[in-house]
């Protein structure tokens, strides 16, 4: 008498588990796919940031080891000139003027 009741209880529990899995699986699968897409987006962002960091490290290394690069950067940022040099500032957005006719 005890064996058929236990067997029936196991079958009912198994069937309930199967029904729950079928009902929960589509939602679970959708959430899993969304998380996978989010992970892929974050990995791409991390790769982009790693490339940017490597580029900045290379730039810093170049500035610390190359005096000519240091001078060029200082001159560019501070707009410094050597004696006798002229600096021409051109507005790239300004329309070109035709040459004056005399």
PDB file of N, CA and C in Angstrom:
ATOM      1  N   UNK A   1       0.819  -1.192   0.000  1.00  0.00           N
ATOM      2  CA  UNK A   1       0.000   0.000   0.000  1.00  0.00           C
ATOM      3  C   UNK A   1       0.861   1.255   0.000  1.00  0.00           C
ATOM      4  N   UNK A   2       1.984   1.205   0.686  1.00  0.00           N
ATOM      5  CA  UNK A   2       2.832   2.381   0.795  1.00  0.00           C
ATOM      6  C   UNK A   2       3.563   2.657  -0.521  1.00  0.00           C
ATOM      7  N   UNK A   3       3.983   1.647  -1.252  1.00  0.00           N
ATOM      8  CA  UNK A   3       4.728   1.807  -2.504  1.00  0.00           C
ATOM      9  C   UNK A   3       3.906   2.519  -3.573  1.00  0.00           C
ATOM     10  N   UNK A   4       2.637   2.129  -3.835  1.00  0.00           N
ATOM     11  CA  UNK A   4       1.879   2.853  -4.861  1.00  0.00           C
ATOM     12  C   UNK A   4       1.659   4.321  -4.502  1.00  0.00           C
ATOM     13  N   UNK A   5       1.467   4.644  -3.244  1.00  0.00           N
ATOM     14  CA  UNK A   5       1.266   6.041  -2.831  1.00  0.00           C
ATOM     15  C   UNK A   5       2.553   6.824  -3.052  1.00  0.00           C
ATOM     16  N   UNK A   6       3.680   6.262  -2.716  1.00  0.00           N
ATOM     17  CA  UNK A   6       4.970   6.932  -2.900  1.00  0.00           C
ATOM     18  C   UNK A   6       5.247   7.122  -4.382  1.00  0.00           C
ATOM     19  N   UNK A   7       4.993   6.082  -5.163  1.00  0.00           N
ATOM     20  CA  UNK A   7       5.210   6.161  -6.604  1.00  0.00           C
ATOM     21  C   UNK A   7       4.305   7.233  -7.212  1.00  0.00           C
ATOM     22  N   UNK A   8       3.073   7.298  -6.799  1.00  0.00           N
ATOM     23  CA  UNK A   8       2.141   8.299  -7.303  1.00  0.00           C
ATOM     24  C   UNK A   8       2.600   9.706  -6.908  1.00  0.00           C
ATOM     25  N   UNK A   9       3.087   9.849  -5.687  1.00  0.00           N
ATOM     26  CA  UNK A   9       3.581  11.149  -5.221  1.00  0.00           C
ATOM     27  C   UNK A   9       4.782  11.586  -6.061  1.00  0.00           C
ATOM     28  N   UNK A  10       5.694  10.651  -6.358  1.00  0.00           N
ATOM     29  CA  UNK A  10       6.855  10.976  -7.192  1.00  0.00           C
ATOM     30  C   UNK A  10       6.427  11.383  -8.607  1.00  0.00           C
ATOM     31  N   UNK A  11       5.474  10.683  -9.167  1.00  0.00           N
ATOM     32  CA  UNK A  11       4.982  11.002 -10.510  1.00  0.00           C
ATOM     33  C   UNK A  11       4.338  12.379 -10.518  1.00  0.00           C
ATOM     34  N   UNK A  12       3.544  12.693  -9.496  1.00  0.00           N
ATOM     35  CA  UNK A  12       2.893  14.011  -9.416  1.00  0.00           C
ATOM     36  C   UNK A  12       3.937  15.118  -9.285  1.00  0.00           C
ATOM     37  N   UNK A  13       4.934  14.910  -8.428  1.00  0.00           N
ATOM     38  CA  UNK A  13       5.998  15.910  -8.248  1.00  0.00           C
ATOM     39  C   UNK A  13       6.766  16.086  -9.552  1.00  0.00           C
ATOM     40  N   UNK A  14       7.070  14.984 -10.234  1.00  0.00           N
ATOM     41  CA  UNK A  14       7.784  15.061 -11.508  1.00  0.00           C
ATOM     42  C   UNK A  14       6.970  15.820 -12.553  1.00  0.00           C
ATOM     43  N   UNK A  15       5.679  15.512 -12.643  1.00  0.00           N
ATOM     44  CA  UNK A  15       4.818  16.199 -13.612  1.00  0.00           C
ATOM     45  C   UNK A  15       4.705  17.695 -13.291  1.00  0.00           C
ATOM     46  N   UNK A  16       4.604  18.033 -12.020  1.00  0.00           N
ATOM     47  CA  UNK A  16       4.556  19.445 -11.627  1.00  0.00           C
ATOM     48  C   UNK A  16       5.861  20.152 -12.015  1.00  0.00           C
ATOM     49  N   UNK A  17       6.986  19.473 -11.821  1.00  0.00           N
ATOM     50  CA  UNK A  17       8.282  20.060 -12.186  1.00  0.00           C
ATOM     51  C   UNK A  17       8.370  20.278 -13.693  1.00  0.00           C
ATOM     52  N   UNK A  18       7.890  19.314 -14.468  1.00  0.00           N
ATOM     53  CA  UNK A  18       7.912  19.441 -15.930  1.00  0.00           C
ATOM     54  C   UNK A  18       7.007  20.585 -16.381  1.00  0.00           C
ATOM     55  N   UNK A  19       5.807  20.673 -15.818  1.00  0.00           N
ATOM     56  CA  UNK A  19       4.888  21.758 -16.176  1.00  0.00           C
ATOM     57  C   UNK A  19       5.496  23.105 -15.809  1.00  0.00           C
ATOM     58  N   UNK A  20       6.106  23.224 -14.640  1.00  0.00           N
ATOM     59  CA  UNK A  20       6.745  24.471 -14.216  1.00  0.00           C
ATOM     60  C   UNK A  20       7.879  24.844 -15.175  1.00  0.00           C
ATOM     61  N   UNK A  21       8.676  23.840 -15.575  1.00  0.00           N
ATOM     62  CA  UNK A  21       9.788  24.105 -16.493  1.00  0.00           C
ATOM     63  C   UNK A  21       9.264  24.617 -17.832  1.00  0.00           C
ATOM     64  N   UNK A  22       8.200  24.029 -18.343  1.00  0.00           N
ATOM     65  CA  UNK A  22       7.647  24.488 -19.624  1.00  0.00           C
ATOM     66  C   UNK A  22       7.064  25.890 -19.512  1.00  0.00           C
ATOM     67  N   UNK A  23       6.477  26.206 -18.382  1.00  0.00           N
ATOM     68  CA  UNK A  23       5.896  27.541 -18.225  1.00  0.00           C
ATOM     69  C   UNK A  23       6.974  28.596 -17.986  1.00  0.00           C
ATOM     70  N   UNK A  24       8.015  28.258 -17.267  1.00  0.00           N
ATOM     71  CA  UNK A  24       9.047  29.226 -16.912  1.00  0.00           C
ATOM     72  C   UNK A  24      10.130  29.334 -17.979  1.00  0.00           C
ATOM     73  N   UNK A  25      10.299  28.329 -18.828  1.00  0.00           N
ATOM     74  CA  UNK A  25      11.401  28.313 -19.788  1.00  0.00           C
ATOM     75  C   UNK A  25      11.387  29.466 -20.776  1.00  0.00           C
ATOM     76  N   UNK A  26      10.278  29.805 -21.416  1.00  0.00           N
ATOM     77  CA  UNK A  26      10.332  30.923 -22.381  1.00  0.00           C
ATOM     78  C   UNK A  26      10.762  32.235 -21.734  1.00  0.00           C
ATOM     79  N   UNK A  27      10.250  32.530 -20.560  1.00  0.00           N
ATOM     80  CA  UNK A  27      10.653  33.758 -19.873  1.00  0.00           C
ATOM     81  C   UNK A  27      12.115  33.679 -19.482  1.00  0.00           C
ATOM     82  N   UNK A  28      12.523  32.536 -18.998  1.00  0.00           N
ATOM     83  CA  UNK A  28      13.918  32.353 -18.605  1.00  0.00           C
ATOM     84  C   UNK A  28      14.858  32.448 -19.791  1.00  0.00           C
ATOM     85  N   UNK A  29      14.457  31.897 -20.915  1.00  0.00           N
ATOM     86  CA  UNK A  29      15.274  31.938 -22.121  1.00  0.00           C
ATOM     87  C   UNK A  29      15.408  33.377 -22.621  1.00  0.00           C
ATOM     88  N   UNK A  30      14.311  34.122 -22.590  1.00  0.00           N
ATOM     89  CA  UNK A  30      14.350  35.520 -23.030  1.00  0.00           C
ATOM     90  C   UNK A  30      15.285  36.331 -22.121  1.00  0.00           C
ATOM     91  N   UNK A  31      15.176  36.129 -20.836  1.00  0.00           N
ATOM     92  CA  UNK A  31      16.031  36.860 -19.897  1.00  0.00           C
ATOM     93  C   UNK A  31      17.496  36.478 -20.108  1.00  0.00           C
ATOM     94  N   UNK A  32      17.745  35.205 -20.355  1.00  0.00           N
ATOM     95  CA  UNK A  32      19.113  34.749 -20.581  1.00  0.00           C
ATOM     96  C   UNK A  32      19.692  35.395 -21.843  1.00  0.00           C
ATOM     97  N   UNK A  33      18.895  35.470 -22.917  1.00  0.00           N
ATOM     98  CA  UNK A  33      19.361  36.089 -24.148  1.00  0.00           C
ATOM     99  C   UNK A  33      19.623  37.585 -23.953  1.00  0.00           C
ATOM    100  N   UNK A  34      18.757  38.245 -23.203  1.00  0.00           N
ATOM    101  CA  UNK A  34      18.944  39.674 -22.937  1.00  0.00           C
ATOM    102  C   UNK A  34      20.223  39.900 -22.126  1.00  0.00           C
ATOM    103  N   UNK A  35      20.460  39.060 -21.143  1.00  0.00           N
ATOM    104  CA  UNK A  35      21.697  39.186 -20.356  1.00  0.00           C
ATOM    105  C   UNK A  35      22.917  38.927 -21.226  1.00  0.00           C
ATOM    106  N   UNK A  36      22.823  37.977 -22.130  1.00  0.00           N
ATOM    107  CA  UNK A  36      23.928  37.676 -23.041  1.00  0.00           C
ATOM    108  C   UNK A  36      24.213  38.878 -23.936  1.00  0.00           C
ATOM    109  N   UNK A  37      23.170  39.525 -24.458  1.00  0.00           N
ATOM    110  CA  UNK A  37      23.362  40.724 -25.280  1.00  0.00           C
ATOM    111  C   UNK A  37      24.001  41.852 -24.461  1.00  0.00           C
ATOM    112  N   UNK A  38      23.549  42.012 -23.227  1.00  0.00           N
ATOM    113  CA  UNK A  38      24.121  43.051 -22.364  1.00  0.00           C
ATOM    114  C   UNK A  38      25.597  42.762 -22.082  1.00  0.00           C
ATOM    115  N   UNK A  39      25.929  41.515 -21.844  1.00  0.00           N
ATOM    116  CA  UNK A  39      27.325  41.139 -21.612  1.00  0.00           C
ATOM    117  C   UNK A  39      28.159  41.428 -22.850  1.00  0.00           C
ATOM    118  N   UNK A  40      27.640  41.110 -24.029  1.00  0.00           N
ATOM    119  CA  UNK A  40      28.363  41.390 -25.273  1.00  0.00           C
ATOM    120  C   UNK A  40      28.597  42.880 -25.452  1.00  0.00           C
ATOM    121  N   UNK A  41      27.564  43.700 -25.163  1.00  0.00           N
ATOM    122  CA  UNK A  41      27.726  45.159 -25.271  1.00  0.00           C
ATOM    123  C   UNK A  41      28.790  45.660 -24.300  1.00  0.00           C
ATOM    124  N   UNK A  42      28.772  45.148 -23.086  1.00  0.00           N
ATOM    125  CA  UNK A  42      29.761  45.587 -22.098  1.00  0.00           C
ATOM    126  C   UNK A  42      31.166  45.139 -22.477  1.00  0.00           C
ATOM    127  N   UNK A  43      31.296  43.939 -23.033  1.00  0.00           N
ATOM    128  CA  UNK A  43      32.615  43.472 -23.474  1.00  0.00           C
ATOM    129  C   UNK A  43      33.143  44.334 -24.612  1.00  0.00           C
ATOM    130  N   UNK A  44      32.280  44.740 -25.523  1.00  0.00           N
ATOM    131  CA  UNK A  44      32.703  45.622 -26.603  1.00  0.00           C
ATOM    132  C   UNK A  44      33.140  46.982 -26.049  1.00  0.00           C
ATOM    133  N   UNK A  45      32.378  47.496 -25.085  1.00  0.00           N
ATOM    134  CA  UNK A  45      32.760  48.760 -24.449  1.00  0.00           C
ATOM    135  C   UNK A  45      34.088  48.648 -23.720  1.00  0.00           C
ATOM    136  N   UNK A  46      34.291  47.530 -23.033  1.00  0.00           N
ATOM    137  CA  UNK A  46      35.562  47.310 -22.333  1.00  0.00           C
ATOM    138  C   UNK A  46      36.720  47.234 -23.320  1.00  0.00           C
ATOM    139  N   UNK A  47      36.515  46.564 -24.452  1.00  0.00           N
ATOM    140  CA  UNK A  47      37.572  46.462 -25.458  1.00  0.00           C
ATOM    141  C   UNK A  47      37.908  47.846 -26.010  1.00  0.00           C
ATOM    142  N   UNK A  48      36.867  48.663 -26.251  1.00  0.00           N
ATOM    143  CA  UNK A  48      37.093  50.028 -26.741  1.00  0.00           C
ATOM    144  C   UNK A  48      37.874  50.841 -25.716  1.00  0.00           C
ATOM    145  N   UNK A  49      37.521  50.710 -24.439  1.00  0.00           N
ATOM    146  CA  UNK A  49      38.229  51.444 -23.386  1.00  0.00           C
ATOM    147  C   UNK A  49      39.664  50.954 -23.229  1.00  0.00           C
ATOM    148  N   UNK A  50      39.885  49.637 -23.393  1.00  0.00           N
ATOM    149  CA  UNK A  50      41.257  49.119 -23.319  1.00  0.00           C
ATOM    150  C   UNK A  50      42.115  49.703 -24.442  1.00  0.00           C
ATOM    151  N   UNK A  51      41.536  49.780 -25.661  1.00  0.00           N
ATOM    152  CA  UNK A  51      42.291  50.371 -26.769  1.00  0.00           C
ATOM    153  C   UNK A  51      42.614  51.831 -26.482  1.00  0.00           C
ATOM    154  N   UNK A  52      41.653  52.553 -25.918  1.00  0.00           N
ATOM    155  CA  UNK A  52      41.873  53.968 -25.581  1.00  0.00           C
ATOM    156  C   UNK A  52      42.967  54.108 -24.522  1.00  0.00           C
ATOM    157  N   UNK A  53      42.950  53.249 -23.522  1.00  0.00           N
ATOM    158  CA  UNK A  53      43.980  53.293 -22.474  1.00  0.00           C
ATOM    159  C   UNK A  53      45.351  52.995 -23.073  1.00  0.00           C
ATOM    160  N   UNK A  54      45.435  51.996 -23.950  1.00  0.00           N
ATOM    161  CA  UNK A  54      46.713  51.676 -24.589  1.00  0.00           C
ATOM    162  C   UNK A  54      47.201  52.835 -25.446  1.00  0.00           C
ATOM    163  N   UNK A  55      46.275  53.487 -26.144  1.00  0.00           N
ATOM    164  CA  UNK A  55      46.662  54.642 -26.960  1.00  0.00           C
ATOM    165  C   UNK A  55      47.193  55.773 -26.079  1.00  0.00           C
ATOM    166  N   UNK A  56      46.533  56.012 -24.947  1.00  0.00           N
ATOM    167  CA  UNK A  56      46.987  57.054 -24.021  1.00  0.00           C
ATOM    168  C   UNK A  56      48.345  56.703 -23.409  1.00  0.00           C
ATOM    169  N   UNK A  57      48.546  55.425 -23.058  1.00  0.00           N
ATOM    170  CA  UNK A  57      49.841  55.000 -22.511  1.00  0.00           C
ATOM    171  C   UNK A  57      50.956  55.206 -23.530  1.00  0.00           C
ATOM    172  N   UNK A  58      50.659  54.867 -24.795  1.00  0.00           N
ATOM    173  CA  UNK A  58      51.646  55.057 -25.856  1.00  0.00           C
ATOM    174  C   UNK A  58      51.956  56.540 -26.024  1.00  0.00           C
ATOM    175  N   UNK A  59      50.940  57.374 -25.967  1.00  0.00           N
ATOM    176  CA  UNK A  59      51.115  58.823 -26.086  1.00  0.00           C
ATOM    177  C   UNK A  59      51.974  59.363 -24.944  1.00  0.00           C
ATOM    178  N   UNK A  60      51.692  58.931 -23.722  1.00  0.00           N
ATOM    179  CA  UNK A  60      52.465  59.377 -22.556  1.00  0.00           C
ATOM    180  C   UNK A  60      53.905  58.904 -22.667  1.00  0.00           C
ATOM    181  N   UNK A  61      54.092  57.646 -23.088  1.00  0.00           N
ATOM    182  CA  UNK A  61      55.454  57.119 -23.249  1.00  0.00           C
ATOM    183  C   UNK A  61      56.221  57.926 -24.297  1.00  0.00           C
ATOM    184  N   UNK A  62      55.547  58.249 -25.403  1.00  0.00           N
ATOM    185  CA  UNK A  62      56.184  59.029 -26.458  1.00  0.00           C
ATOM    186  C   UNK A  62      56.582  60.413 -25.935  1.00  0.00           C
ATOM    187  N   UNK A  63      55.717  61.026 -25.133  1.00  0.00           N
ATOM    188  CA  UNK A  63      56.043  62.352 -24.597  1.00  0.00           C
ATOM    189  C   UNK A  63      57.170  62.299 -23.572  1.00  0.00           C
ATOM    190  N   UNK A  64      57.235  61.230 -22.788  1.00  0.00           N
ATOM    191  CA  UNK A  64      58.284  61.165 -21.758  1.00  0.00           C
ATOM    192  C   UNK A  64      59.641  60.811 -22.348  1.00  0.00           C
ATOM    193  N   UNK A  65      59.681  60.179 -23.498  1.00  0.00           N
ATOM    194  CA  UNK A  65      60.964  59.736 -24.048  1.00  0.00           C
ATOM    195  C   UNK A  65      61.451  60.584 -25.218  1.00  0.00           C
ATOM    196  N   UNK A  66      60.599  61.393 -25.808  1.00  0.00           N
ATOM    197  CA  UNK A  66      60.961  62.136 -27.005  1.00  0.00           C
ATOM    198  C   UNK A  66      60.851  63.635 -26.739  1.00  0.00           C
ATOM    199  N   UNK A  67      61.982  64.332 -26.597  1.00  0.00           N
ATOM    200  CA  UNK A  67      61.934  65.783 -26.345  1.00  0.00           C
ATOM    201  C   UNK A  67      61.279  66.569 -27.489  1.00  0.00           C
ATOM    202  N   UNK A  68      61.446  66.109 -28.705  1.00  0.00           N
ATOM    203  CA  UNK A  68      60.827  66.823 -29.840  1.00  0.00           C
ATOM    204  C   UNK A  68      59.305  66.731 -29.745  1.00  0.00           C
ATOM    205  N   UNK A  69      58.788  65.586 -29.340  1.00  0.00           N
ATOM    206  CA  UNK A  69      57.342  65.440 -29.182  1.00  0.00           C
ATOM    207  C   UNK A  69      56.842  66.311 -28.032  1.00  0.00           C
ATOM    208  N   UNK A  70      57.656  66.395 -26.968  1.00  0.00           N
ATOM    209  CA  UNK A  70      57.287  67.267 -25.840  1.00  0.00           C
ATOM    210  C   UNK A  70      57.188  68.713 -26.302  1.00  0.00           C
ATOM    211  N   UNK A  71      58.205  69.165 -27.033  1.00  0.00           N
ATOM    212  CA  UNK A  71      58.203  70.555 -27.488  1.00  0.00           C
ATOM    213  C   UNK A  71      57.022  70.825 -28.413  1.00  0.00           C
ATOM    214  N   UNK A  72      56.747  69.897 -29.302  1.00  0.00           N
ATOM    215  CA  UNK A  72      55.622  70.069 -30.220  1.00  0.00           C
ATOM    216  C   UNK A  72      54.304  70.187 -29.469  1.00  0.00           C
ATOM    217  N   UNK A  73      54.105  69.329 -28.467  1.00  0.00           N
ATOM    218  CA  UNK A  73      52.857  69.358 -27.691  1.00  0.00           C
ATOM    219  C   UNK A  73      52.751  70.654 -26.889  1.00  0.00           C
ATOM    220  N   UNK A  74      53.843  71.093 -26.293  1.00  0.00           N
ATOM    221  CA  UNK A  74      53.835  72.350 -25.523  1.00  0.00           C
ATOM    222  C   UNK A  74      53.514  73.521 -26.450  1.00  0.00           C
ATOM    223  N   UNK A  75      54.142  73.539 -27.594  1.00  0.00           N
ATOM    224  CA  UNK A  75      53.905  74.632 -28.536  1.00  0.00           C
ATOM    225  C   UNK A  75      52.461  74.619 -29.030  1.00  0.00           C
ATOM    226  N   UNK A  76      51.911  73.428 -29.242  1.00  0.00           N
ATOM    227  CA  UNK A  76      50.540  73.329 -29.733  1.00  0.00           C
ATOM    228  C   UNK A  76      49.544  73.769 -28.665  1.00  0.00           C
ATOM    229  N   UNK A  77      49.730  73.296 -27.435  1.00  0.00           N
ATOM    230  CA  UNK A  77      48.756  73.615 -26.381  1.00  0.00           C
ATOM    231  C   UNK A  77      48.836  75.062 -25.915  1.00  0.00           C
ATOM    232  N   UNK A  78      50.058  75.550 -25.766  1.00  0.00           N
ATOM    233  CA  UNK A  78      50.236  76.905 -25.238  1.00  0.00           C
ATOM    234  C   UNK A  78      50.379  77.950 -26.344  1.00  0.00           C
ATOM    235  N   UNK A  79      50.398  77.491 -27.586  1.00  0.00           N
ATOM    236  CA  UNK A  79      50.554  78.378 -28.742  1.00  0.00           C
ATOM    237  C   UNK A  79      51.811  79.244 -28.601  1.00  0.00           C
ATOM    238  N   UNK A  80      52.912  78.578 -28.233  1.00  0.00           N
ATOM    239  CA  UNK A  80      54.191  79.269 -28.102  1.00  0.00           C
ATOM    240  C   UNK A  80      54.941  79.219 -29.425  1.00  0.00           C
ATOM    241  N   UNK A  81      55.737  80.254 -29.680  1.00  0.00           N
ATOM    242  CA  UNK A  81      56.507  80.349 -30.916  1.00  0.00           C
ATOM    243  C   UNK A  81      57.956  80.661 -30.595  1.00  0.00           C
ATOM    244  N   UNK A  82      58.829  80.229 -31.482  1.00  0.00           N
ATOM    245  CA  UNK A  82      60.232  80.632 -31.389  1.00  0.00           C
ATOM    246  C   UNK A  82      60.340  82.042 -31.948  1.00  0.00           C
ATOM    247  N   UNK A  83      61.375  82.781 -31.559  1.00  0.00           N
ATOM    248  CA  UNK A  83      61.548  84.130 -32.109  1.00  0.00           C
ATOM    249  C   UNK A  83      61.638  84.088 -33.641  1.00  0.00           C
ATOM    250  N   UNK A  84      60.893  84.963 -34.265  1.00  0.00           N
ATOM    251  CA  UNK A  84      60.899  85.050 -35.723  1.00  0.00           C
ATOM    252  C   UNK A  84      59.831  84.196 -36.391  1.00  0.00           C
ATOM    253  N   UNK A  85      59.154  83.355 -35.672  1.00  0.00           N
ATOM    254  CA  UNK A  85      58.097  82.532 -36.265  1.00  0.00           C
ATOM    255  C   UNK A  85      56.782  83.291 -36.259  1.00  0.00           C
ATOM    256  N   UNK A  86      55.914  82.959 -37.205  1.00  0.00           N
ATOM    257  CA  UNK A  86      54.586  83.564 -37.280  1.00  0.00           C
ATOM    258  C   UNK A  86      53.549  82.453 -37.187  1.00  0.00           C
ATOM    259  N   UNK A  87      52.467  82.749 -36.503  1.00  0.00           N
ATOM    260  CA  UNK A  87      51.380  81.789 -36.359  1.00  0.00           C
ATOM    261  C   UNK A  87      50.164  82.322 -37.100  1.00  0.00           C
ATOM    262  N   UNK A  88      49.645  81.511 -37.998  1.00  0.00           N
ATOM    263  CA  UNK A  88      48.445  81.870 -38.735  1.00  0.00           C
ATOM    264  C   UNK A  88      47.312  80.996 -38.227  1.00  0.00           C
ATOM    265  N   UNK A  89      46.254  81.638 -37.735  1.00  0.00           N
ATOM    266  CA  UNK A  89      45.087  80.906 -37.253  1.00  0.00           C
ATOM    267  C   UNK A  89      44.002  81.043 -38.309  1.00  0.00           C
ATOM    268  N   UNK A  90      43.555  79.903 -38.819  1.00  0.00           N
ATOM    269  CA  UNK A  90      42.561  79.879 -39.884  1.00  0.00           C
ATOM    270  C   UNK A  90      41.297  79.248 -39.333  1.00  0.00           C
ATOM    271  N   UNK A  91      40.167  79.902 -39.596  1.00  0.00           N
ATOM    272  CA  UNK A  91      38.883  79.359 -39.175  1.00  0.00           C
ATOM    273  C   UNK A  91      38.402  78.383 -40.248  1.00  0.00           C
ATOM    274  N   UNK A  92      38.325  77.095 -39.938  1.00  0.00           N
ATOM    275  CA  UNK A  92      37.936  76.130 -40.969  1.00  0.00           C
ATOM    276  C   UNK A  92      36.470  76.258 -41.382  1.00  0.00           C
ATOM    277  N   UNK A  93      35.658  76.897 -40.547  1.00  0.00           N
ATOM    278  CA  UNK A  93      34.231  77.055 -40.865  1.00  0.00           C
ATOM    279  C   UNK A  93      33.942  78.297 -41.704  1.00  0.00           C
ATOM    280  N   UNK A  94      34.905  79.209 -41.802  1.00  0.00           N
ATOM    281  CA  UNK A  94      34.670  80.443 -42.545  1.00  0.00           C
ATOM    282  C   UNK A  94      34.694  80.147 -44.052  1.00  0.00           C
ATOM    283  N   UNK A  95      33.758  80.756 -44.797  1.00  0.00           N
ATOM    284  CA  UNK A  95      33.752  80.515 -46.245  1.00  0.00           C
ATOM    285  C   UNK A  95      34.977  81.173 -46.885  1.00  0.00           C
ATOM    286  N   UNK A  96      35.474  80.552 -47.928  1.00  0.00           N
ATOM    287  CA  UNK A  96      36.655  81.093 -48.609  1.00  0.00           C
ATOM    288  C   UNK A  96      36.278  82.354 -49.379  1.00  0.00           C
ATOM    289  N   UNK A  97      37.100  83.360 -49.268  1.00  0.00           N
ATOM    290  CA  UNK A  97      36.860  84.615 -49.974  1.00  0.00           C
ATOM    291  C   UNK A  97      37.629  84.590 -51.299  1.00  0.00           C
ATOM    292  N   UNK A  98      37.001  85.083 -52.345  1.00  0.00           N
ATOM    293  CA  UNK A  98      37.746  85.132 -53.612  1.00  0.00           C
ATOM    294  C   UNK A  98      38.842  86.185 -53.499  1.00  0.00           C
ATOM    295  N   UNK A  99      39.922  86.027 -54.242  1.00  0.00           N
ATOM    296  CA  UNK A  99      41.003  87.008 -54.174  1.00  0.00           C
ATOM    297  C   UNK A  99      40.526  88.392 -54.630  1.00  0.00           C
ATOM    298  N   UNK A 100      41.071  89.423 -54.001  1.00  0.00           N
ATOM    299  CA  UNK A 100      40.682  90.804 -54.330  1.00  0.00           C
ATOM    300  C   UNK A 100      41.263  91.181 -55.678  1.00  0.00           C
ATOM    301  N   UNK A 101      40.466  91.846 -56.503  1.00  0.00           N
ATOM    302  CA  UNK A 101      40.907  92.287 -57.822  1.00  0.00           C
ATOM    303  C   UNK A 101      41.144  93.801 -57.753  1.00  0.00           C
ATOM    304  N   UNK A 102      42.333  94.258 -58.143  1.00  0.00           N
ATOM    305  CA  UNK A 102      42.666  95.693 -58.112  1.00  0.00           C
ATOM    306  C   UNK A 102      42.582  96.280 -59.472  1.00  0.00           C
TER     307      UNK A 102
END
